[in-house]
Each structure stands twice: as structure tokens, then as C-alpha cells.
N, C-alpha and C. Protein backbone atom coordinates (compact mmCIF):
# COMPACT_ATOMS: atom_id res chain seq x y z
N MET A 1 -15.86 124.06 280.38
CA MET A 1 -16.87 124.33 279.37
C MET A 1 -17.88 123.18 279.41
N ILE A 2 -19.15 123.52 279.35
CA ILE A 2 -20.22 122.52 279.34
C ILE A 2 -20.82 122.43 277.94
N ILE A 3 -20.96 121.22 277.44
CA ILE A 3 -21.60 121.00 276.14
C ILE A 3 -22.75 120.03 276.34
N THR A 4 -23.70 120.10 275.44
CA THR A 4 -24.82 119.16 275.45
C THR A 4 -24.95 118.57 274.05
N SER A 5 -25.04 117.27 273.99
CA SER A 5 -25.15 116.59 272.70
C SER A 5 -26.43 115.77 272.66
N SER A 6 -27.15 115.90 271.55
CA SER A 6 -28.36 115.10 271.38
C SER A 6 -28.02 113.77 270.72
N TYR A 7 -28.90 112.82 270.87
CA TYR A 7 -28.71 111.51 270.27
C TYR A 7 -28.59 111.64 268.75
N HIS A 8 -29.43 112.48 268.16
CA HIS A 8 -29.43 112.69 266.71
C HIS A 8 -28.07 113.22 266.24
N GLU A 9 -27.52 114.22 266.94
CA GLU A 9 -26.21 114.78 266.57
C GLU A 9 -25.12 113.71 266.67
N LEU A 10 -25.17 112.94 267.73
CA LEU A 10 -24.17 111.90 267.95
C LEU A 10 -24.27 110.79 266.90
N LYS A 11 -25.50 110.42 266.52
CA LYS A 11 -25.69 109.41 265.46
C LYS A 11 -25.14 109.91 264.13
N ASN A 12 -25.38 111.19 263.84
CA ASN A 12 -24.85 111.77 262.60
C ASN A 12 -23.33 111.77 262.60
N ALA A 13 -22.73 112.12 263.73
CA ALA A 13 -21.27 112.11 263.85
C ALA A 13 -20.74 110.69 263.69
N GLN A 14 -21.42 109.73 264.30
CA GLN A 14 -21.01 108.33 264.19
C GLN A 14 -21.05 107.88 262.73
N ALA A 15 -22.09 108.27 262.01
CA ALA A 15 -22.20 107.92 260.59
C ALA A 15 -21.07 108.56 259.78
N ALA A 16 -20.73 109.80 260.09
CA ALA A 16 -19.64 110.49 259.39
C ALA A 16 -18.30 109.80 259.66
N ILE A 17 -18.10 109.36 260.89
CA ILE A 17 -16.87 108.64 261.25
C ILE A 17 -16.81 107.31 260.50
N GLU A 18 -17.93 106.60 260.44
CA GLU A 18 -17.97 105.34 259.69
C GLU A 18 -17.69 105.57 258.21
N ASN A 19 -18.21 106.66 257.67
CA ASN A 19 -17.98 107.00 256.27
C ASN A 19 -16.49 107.27 256.04
N LEU A 20 -15.86 108.01 256.95
CA LEU A 20 -14.43 108.28 256.84
C LEU A 20 -13.65 106.96 256.89
N LYS A 21 -14.06 106.08 257.77
CA LYS A 21 -13.40 104.78 257.94
C LYS A 21 -13.49 103.96 256.64
N GLU A 22 -14.63 104.01 255.98
CA GLU A 22 -14.84 103.24 254.75
C GLU A 22 -14.19 103.88 253.53
N THR A 23 -14.24 105.21 253.43
CA THR A 23 -13.75 105.88 252.23
C THR A 23 -12.25 106.16 252.27
N THR A 24 -11.71 106.44 253.43
CA THR A 24 -10.27 106.73 253.56
C THR A 24 -9.70 106.05 254.81
N PRO A 25 -9.59 104.72 254.75
CA PRO A 25 -9.10 103.98 255.92
C PRO A 25 -7.74 104.45 256.47
N PRO A 26 -6.78 104.85 255.60
CA PRO A 26 -5.48 105.27 256.16
C PRO A 26 -5.59 106.48 257.10
N ILE A 27 -6.36 107.48 256.73
CA ILE A 27 -6.47 108.67 257.58
C ILE A 27 -7.28 108.33 258.84
N TYR A 28 -8.25 107.46 258.71
CA TYR A 28 -9.01 107.03 259.88
C TYR A 28 -8.09 106.31 260.87
N ARG A 29 -7.24 105.41 260.38
CA ARG A 29 -6.31 104.68 261.26
C ARG A 29 -5.34 105.64 261.94
N LYS A 30 -4.84 106.61 261.19
CA LYS A 30 -3.92 107.59 261.79
C LYS A 30 -4.63 108.41 262.87
N PHE A 31 -5.87 108.78 262.61
CA PHE A 31 -6.66 109.52 263.60
C PHE A 31 -6.87 108.66 264.84
N LEU A 32 -7.21 107.41 264.64
CA LEU A 32 -7.40 106.49 265.76
C LEU A 32 -6.10 106.32 266.56
N ASN A 33 -4.97 106.27 265.88
CA ASN A 33 -3.69 106.18 266.57
C ASN A 33 -3.44 107.41 267.45
N ILE A 34 -3.78 108.59 266.94
CA ILE A 34 -3.62 109.82 267.72
C ILE A 34 -4.56 109.81 268.92
N ILE A 35 -5.77 109.31 268.73
CA ILE A 35 -6.72 109.20 269.84
C ILE A 35 -6.16 108.28 270.92
N HIS A 36 -5.62 107.14 270.52
CA HIS A 36 -5.03 106.20 271.48
C HIS A 36 -3.83 106.82 272.20
N LEU A 37 -2.99 107.52 271.45
CA LEU A 37 -1.83 108.18 272.05
C LEU A 37 -2.27 109.24 273.06
N THR A 38 -3.28 110.00 272.70
CA THR A 38 -3.83 111.03 273.59
C THR A 38 -4.32 110.40 274.88
N ARG A 39 -5.02 109.30 274.75
CA ARG A 39 -5.55 108.61 275.92
C ARG A 39 -4.42 108.02 276.77
N GLN A 40 -3.44 107.41 276.14
CA GLN A 40 -2.31 106.82 276.88
C GLN A 40 -1.52 107.88 277.65
N LEU A 41 -1.36 109.04 277.05
CA LEU A 41 -0.62 110.12 277.71
C LEU A 41 -1.48 110.88 278.72
N GLN A 42 -2.76 110.56 278.74
CA GLN A 42 -3.74 111.21 279.61
C GLN A 42 -3.86 112.70 279.32
N TYR A 43 -3.74 113.04 278.04
CA TYR A 43 -4.01 114.40 277.58
C TYR A 43 -5.49 114.43 277.25
N GLY A 44 -6.09 115.58 277.24
CA GLY A 44 -7.50 115.68 276.91
C GLY A 44 -7.75 115.63 275.41
N TYR A 45 -8.91 115.09 275.07
CA TYR A 45 -9.29 115.06 273.65
C TYR A 45 -9.51 116.47 273.10
N GLN A 46 -9.91 117.39 273.96
CA GLN A 46 -10.09 118.77 273.50
C GLN A 46 -8.74 119.37 273.14
N TYR A 47 -7.72 119.01 273.90
CA TYR A 47 -6.36 119.47 273.59
C TYR A 47 -5.94 118.93 272.22
N MET A 48 -6.16 117.64 272.01
CA MET A 48 -5.84 117.01 270.73
C MET A 48 -6.57 117.71 269.59
N GLY A 49 -7.87 117.91 269.77
CA GLY A 49 -8.67 118.55 268.72
C GLY A 49 -8.23 119.96 268.42
N SER A 50 -7.89 120.70 269.45
CA SER A 50 -7.46 122.09 269.22
C SER A 50 -6.13 122.13 268.47
N LEU A 51 -5.24 121.17 268.73
CA LEU A 51 -3.99 121.11 267.97
C LEU A 51 -4.26 120.72 266.52
N LEU A 52 -5.13 119.75 266.31
CA LEU A 52 -5.46 119.33 264.94
C LEU A 52 -6.10 120.44 264.13
N MET A 53 -6.90 121.25 264.80
CA MET A 53 -7.67 122.29 264.10
C MET A 53 -7.00 123.66 264.14
N ASP A 54 -5.77 123.72 264.62
CA ASP A 54 -5.02 124.98 264.72
C ASP A 54 -5.75 126.02 265.55
N GLU A 55 -6.38 125.57 266.62
CA GLU A 55 -7.05 126.46 267.56
C GLU A 55 -6.11 126.68 268.75
N ASP A 56 -6.44 127.64 269.59
CA ASP A 56 -5.62 127.91 270.77
C ASP A 56 -5.80 126.78 271.78
N PRO A 57 -4.75 126.00 272.04
CA PRO A 57 -4.88 124.86 272.95
C PRO A 57 -4.64 125.20 274.42
N ASP A 58 -4.33 126.45 274.72
CA ASP A 58 -3.90 126.82 276.07
C ASP A 58 -4.86 126.40 277.17
N GLN A 59 -6.15 126.59 276.98
CA GLN A 59 -7.08 126.26 278.05
C GLN A 59 -7.25 124.77 278.27
N PHE A 60 -6.77 123.96 277.32
CA PHE A 60 -6.88 122.51 277.43
C PHE A 60 -5.52 121.84 277.67
N GLN A 61 -4.47 122.65 277.80
CA GLN A 61 -3.11 122.15 277.98
C GLN A 61 -3.02 121.23 279.20
N PRO A 62 -2.37 120.07 279.05
CA PRO A 62 -2.21 119.18 280.20
C PRO A 62 -1.44 119.87 281.33
N ASN A 63 -1.84 119.58 282.55
CA ASN A 63 -1.19 120.20 283.71
C ASN A 63 0.23 119.71 283.90
N PHE A 64 0.40 118.42 283.81
CA PHE A 64 1.72 117.83 284.02
C PHE A 64 2.20 117.27 282.70
N GLN A 65 3.34 117.78 282.28
CA GLN A 65 3.84 117.34 280.99
C GLN A 65 5.35 117.39 280.95
N ASP A 66 5.93 116.44 280.35
CA ASP A 66 7.36 116.41 280.12
C ASP A 66 7.58 117.06 278.75
N ASP A 67 8.53 117.97 278.66
CA ASP A 67 8.75 118.69 277.40
C ASP A 67 9.08 117.75 276.24
N TYR A 68 9.86 116.72 276.52
CA TYR A 68 10.22 115.77 275.47
C TYR A 68 8.99 115.01 274.98
N VAL A 69 8.20 114.51 275.91
CA VAL A 69 6.99 113.76 275.54
C VAL A 69 6.03 114.67 274.78
N MET A 70 5.89 115.91 275.23
CA MET A 70 5.02 116.87 274.54
C MET A 70 5.51 117.12 273.12
N SER A 71 6.82 117.22 272.94
CA SER A 71 7.35 117.47 271.59
C SER A 71 7.09 116.28 270.67
N ILE A 72 7.21 115.06 271.20
CA ILE A 72 6.92 113.86 270.40
C ILE A 72 5.43 113.83 270.03
N TYR A 73 4.58 114.15 270.99
CA TYR A 73 3.14 114.18 270.75
C TYR A 73 2.80 115.19 269.64
N ARG A 74 3.37 116.37 269.75
CA ARG A 74 3.11 117.39 268.73
C ARG A 74 3.64 116.96 267.36
N GLN A 75 4.75 116.26 267.33
CA GLN A 75 5.27 115.74 266.05
C GLN A 75 4.29 114.76 265.42
N GLU A 76 3.69 113.92 266.24
CA GLU A 76 2.71 112.96 265.73
C GLU A 76 1.47 113.67 265.20
N ILE A 77 1.05 114.71 265.89
CA ILE A 77 -0.08 115.53 265.42
C ILE A 77 0.27 116.14 264.06
N GLU A 78 1.48 116.68 263.95
CA GLU A 78 1.90 117.31 262.69
C GLU A 78 1.99 116.31 261.55
N LYS A 79 2.41 115.07 261.85
CA LYS A 79 2.44 114.03 260.81
C LYS A 79 1.04 113.77 260.27
N LEU A 80 0.08 113.71 261.17
CA LEU A 80 -1.31 113.50 260.75
C LEU A 80 -1.78 114.68 259.90
N LYS A 81 -1.47 115.88 260.32
CA LYS A 81 -1.90 117.07 259.58
C LYS A 81 -1.23 117.18 258.22
N ALA A 82 -0.05 116.58 258.08
CA ALA A 82 0.67 116.63 256.81
C ALA A 82 0.14 115.64 255.78
N ASP A 83 -0.67 114.69 256.20
CA ASP A 83 -1.24 113.71 255.28
C ASP A 83 -2.13 114.41 254.26
N LYS A 84 -2.00 114.02 253.00
CA LYS A 84 -2.78 114.69 251.95
C LYS A 84 -4.28 114.49 252.11
N ARG A 85 -4.68 113.48 252.88
CA ARG A 85 -6.11 113.22 253.11
C ARG A 85 -6.64 113.88 254.38
N PHE A 86 -5.76 114.60 255.08
CA PHE A 86 -6.16 115.24 256.33
C PHE A 86 -7.36 116.18 256.16
N PRO A 87 -7.50 116.91 255.03
CA PRO A 87 -8.66 117.79 254.89
C PRO A 87 -10.01 117.08 255.09
N GLU A 88 -10.09 115.79 254.76
CA GLU A 88 -11.33 115.05 254.98
C GLU A 88 -11.62 114.89 256.47
N LEU A 89 -10.60 114.58 257.23
CA LEU A 89 -10.74 114.48 258.68
C LEU A 89 -11.03 115.85 259.28
N LYS A 90 -10.35 116.86 258.79
CA LYS A 90 -10.55 118.21 259.31
C LYS A 90 -11.99 118.67 259.09
N GLN A 91 -12.56 118.32 257.95
CA GLN A 91 -13.95 118.68 257.66
C GLN A 91 -14.90 117.98 258.63
N LEU A 92 -14.63 116.73 258.92
CA LEU A 92 -15.45 115.99 259.88
C LEU A 92 -15.36 116.66 261.26
N LEU A 93 -14.15 116.98 261.70
CA LEU A 93 -13.97 117.62 263.00
C LEU A 93 -14.67 118.98 263.05
N LEU A 94 -14.57 119.72 261.97
CA LEU A 94 -15.22 121.03 261.90
C LEU A 94 -16.75 120.89 261.94
N SER A 95 -17.26 119.92 261.23
CA SER A 95 -18.71 119.72 261.17
C SER A 95 -19.32 119.31 262.51
N TYR A 96 -18.56 118.59 263.33
CA TYR A 96 -19.11 118.07 264.59
C TYR A 96 -18.42 118.63 265.82
N LYS A 97 -17.67 119.68 265.64
CA LYS A 97 -16.97 120.33 266.74
C LYS A 97 -17.91 120.68 267.90
N HIS A 98 -19.14 121.03 267.59
CA HIS A 98 -20.10 121.45 268.61
C HIS A 98 -20.47 120.33 269.59
N ILE A 99 -20.22 119.06 269.22
CA ILE A 99 -20.50 117.97 270.17
C ILE A 99 -19.25 117.63 270.97
N SER A 100 -18.16 118.27 270.69
CA SER A 100 -16.85 118.19 271.36
C SER A 100 -15.94 117.17 270.70
N TYR A 101 -14.67 117.51 270.74
CA TYR A 101 -13.66 116.58 270.22
C TYR A 101 -13.64 115.32 271.06
N ALA A 102 -13.98 115.45 272.33
CA ALA A 102 -14.01 114.28 273.21
C ALA A 102 -15.07 113.28 272.73
N ASN A 103 -16.27 113.76 272.43
CA ASN A 103 -17.32 112.86 271.96
C ASN A 103 -16.99 112.27 270.59
N ILE A 104 -16.39 113.07 269.72
CA ILE A 104 -15.98 112.55 268.41
C ILE A 104 -14.97 111.42 268.61
N SER A 105 -14.02 111.64 269.51
CA SER A 105 -12.99 110.63 269.78
C SER A 105 -13.60 109.36 270.37
N LYS A 106 -14.51 109.53 271.30
CA LYS A 106 -15.15 108.37 271.92
C LYS A 106 -15.98 107.58 270.91
N LEU A 107 -16.64 108.29 270.00
CA LEU A 107 -17.39 107.60 268.94
C LEU A 107 -16.43 106.82 268.04
N ALA A 108 -15.30 107.42 267.71
CA ALA A 108 -14.30 106.75 266.86
C ALA A 108 -13.76 105.50 267.56
N LEU A 109 -13.70 105.54 268.88
CA LEU A 109 -13.23 104.39 269.65
C LEU A 109 -14.31 103.31 269.81
N GLY A 110 -15.53 103.61 269.34
CA GLY A 110 -16.59 102.61 269.37
C GLY A 110 -17.64 102.80 270.44
N GLU A 111 -17.58 103.89 271.18
CA GLU A 111 -18.60 104.11 272.20
C GLU A 111 -19.94 104.38 271.52
N LYS A 112 -21.01 103.92 272.14
CA LYS A 112 -22.36 104.08 271.58
C LYS A 112 -22.86 105.51 271.82
N PRO A 113 -23.54 106.08 270.82
CA PRO A 113 -24.08 107.43 270.96
C PRO A 113 -24.97 107.62 272.18
N ALA A 114 -25.77 106.60 272.51
CA ALA A 114 -26.69 106.72 273.66
C ALA A 114 -25.93 106.98 274.96
N ALA A 115 -24.71 106.48 275.07
CA ALA A 115 -23.91 106.67 276.28
C ALA A 115 -23.37 108.08 276.41
N LEU A 116 -23.39 108.83 275.32
CA LEU A 116 -22.79 110.17 275.30
C LEU A 116 -23.83 111.29 275.31
N VAL A 117 -25.09 110.94 275.29
CA VAL A 117 -26.16 111.95 275.23
C VAL A 117 -26.21 112.76 276.53
N GLY A 118 -26.48 114.04 276.36
CA GLY A 118 -26.67 114.90 277.53
C GLY A 118 -25.51 115.84 277.79
N PRO A 119 -25.60 116.55 278.90
CA PRO A 119 -24.55 117.54 279.21
C PRO A 119 -23.27 116.85 279.68
N ALA A 120 -22.16 117.50 279.36
CA ALA A 120 -20.85 116.99 279.79
C ALA A 120 -19.90 118.17 279.97
N VAL A 121 -19.01 118.04 280.91
CA VAL A 121 -17.98 119.06 281.13
C VAL A 121 -16.79 118.68 280.27
N VAL A 122 -16.34 119.62 279.43
CA VAL A 122 -15.22 119.38 278.54
C VAL A 122 -14.02 120.15 279.07
N HIS A 123 -12.93 119.42 279.26
CA HIS A 123 -11.69 120.06 279.74
C HIS A 123 -10.50 119.49 279.04
């Protein structure tokens, strides 16, 4: 899937992420932990986002996966979703889904919006 993100959209998403970080630090930290886990396991951010948003993750499913590791990963996702403040994160993800969960994750990790502008292949 190809997406295109404008600088303006990315700046708005960055501001929303900063707002989440300031207003509800615990849910922001948990989200950041899931992003780090996703990256360490080399799963795609789109896969992570689809699990968080209860979307069909099949097209983003990692090719190589150990069933045990996958079950632990899904448990961590479910812990985040069970947090009473999760609806705030879910709203952010829903609002900026069009720029991709990958770009949202990269912004949360501190990447600059200018580096993410333009077309990108999301997998």
C-alpha cells in the first residue's frame, strides 16, 4: 500500500502525540514501549496499529514468527488496550491513521516530520 503524507499532516500528528505525552504520560509510555517492542521483533508498525485498532492484521502479518513470541506480543498489545486511558490513544490513532501507523510510530520515536514527507510504501 502506498501512502502520501504532507508536512502539515505530519506536524499536526506530532502535536497530537506531544499533547498525549503531556496530558497522559502513562499511556504515552506504554504506547512507546509497544513501538519499541514492535521494532525489536521486526514486526511492522502497520501490524501493530491494526492490532491496536481491532482491524484485520492479516495483510501486515510478519512472515517469520514464533508462536510463543507472537502470543507474548499480542498479550502486550492487549494490556495496552485494557488501560482505562487507551481511548485517548485510540482517538489519536484514528485521527491520523491516513498518514500510516508507521509514520505515527516514527513521530512518537522522535523522527522529524520533514523526514517523513512524501510517498511511502506501507507493509
